[in-house]
Structure formats: structure tokens, C-alpha cells
Protein backbone atom coordinates (compact mmCIF):
# COMPACT_ATOMS: atom_id res chain seq x y z
CA MET A 1 57.05 49.42 120.35
CA SER A 2 55.01 47.22 117.97
CA GLU A 3 52.21 47.85 116.18
CA ILE A 4 50.23 45.31 118.38
CA LYS A 5 50.72 47.42 121.54
CA LEU A 6 49.99 51.02 119.60
CA GLY A 7 46.54 49.56 118.64
CA LEU A 8 45.73 47.82 122.27
CA MET A 9 46.49 51.17 123.29
CA GLN A 10 44.54 52.90 120.89
CA LYS A 11 41.21 50.56 121.33
CA ALA A 12 42.03 51.87 125.84
CA ILE A 13 41.90 54.91 124.96
CA GLU A 14 39.06 54.77 121.99
CA GLU A 15 36.93 52.91 124.68
CA TYR A 16 38.08 54.64 128.25
CA GLU A 17 39.39 57.95 126.87
CA LYS A 18 41.98 58.68 129.52
CA ILE A 19 44.20 55.83 130.71
CA PHE A 20 46.83 55.27 133.26
CA PRO A 21 49.38 53.03 133.91
CA CYS A 22 48.96 50.49 136.58
CA GLY A 23 50.23 49.42 139.62
CA ASP A 24 53.86 50.10 140.13
CA THR A 25 54.23 51.25 136.54
CA THR A 26 55.50 54.46 135.35
CA LEU A 27 54.58 53.69 131.80
CA LEU A 28 51.99 52.32 130.05
CA GLU A 29 54.65 50.50 127.80
CA ASP A 30 55.30 49.02 131.04
CA CYS A 31 51.49 47.30 130.95
CA PHE A 32 51.78 44.55 128.59
CA THR A 33 52.05 40.88 129.57
CA GLN A 34 51.97 37.45 126.94
CA SER A 35 50.83 34.27 128.23
CA GLN A 36 50.74 31.87 125.31
CA ASP A 37 48.82 32.75 122.25
CA LYS A 38 47.64 36.24 124.02
CA LEU A 39 48.97 40.20 125.03
CA PHE A 40 47.50 41.76 127.30
CA PHE A 41 47.44 45.59 127.74
CA TRP A 42 46.40 46.09 131.29
CA PHE A 43 45.36 49.55 132.46
CA ASN A 44 44.04 51.73 134.93
CA THR A 45 40.83 54.82 134.22
CA GLU A 46 40.33 57.97 136.13
CA ASP A 47 38.15 56.13 138.79
CA ASN A 48 41.43 54.24 139.33
CA SER A 49 39.64 51.12 138.26
CA THR A 50 42.13 48.29 136.07
CA HIS A 51 40.83 47.32 132.75
CA ILE A 52 42.17 44.62 130.59
CA VAL A 53 42.39 44.99 126.92
CA GLU A 54 43.98 41.55 124.84
CA HIS A 55 45.20 40.84 121.56
CA THR A 56 45.54 36.81 119.82
CA ILE A 57 48.91 36.31 118.84
CA ASP A 58 49.17 34.94 115.31
CA GLU A 59 51.99 31.95 115.86
CA ALA A 60 52.57 32.55 111.53
CA ILE A 61 54.04 35.96 111.44
């Protein structure tokens, strides 16, 4: 898993403490979507609310 994805997961854990896969997914690794220059990490919290954290991808890398 990329450092960017791990960083988004860590950011979510720091903010929400307990996070879970969203929808029909069973692994947090499957909860990423890329659209243009954004990488989104979507997940549920204990109250079954869905949240998203995002990262802007630097095209120069």
C-alpha cells in the first residue's frame, strides 16, 4: 500500500479513532477512489456514518 494511502488511513484514525470499511467492502484497503488529481478514502465510524478524507495527488511525482 502506498504511503499516501497509509497517511489517509492514519489521518482518519487520528480524527475518528475507530474506522471500518464502508458499503460492501470488507477491507479498508478497498475504500479508496481516485478521481482526476484527488485520492479519496471513504470509511464508516462506530455510529455507522460515512466519512471521506482526501489527498491532492502531485502530478510531478
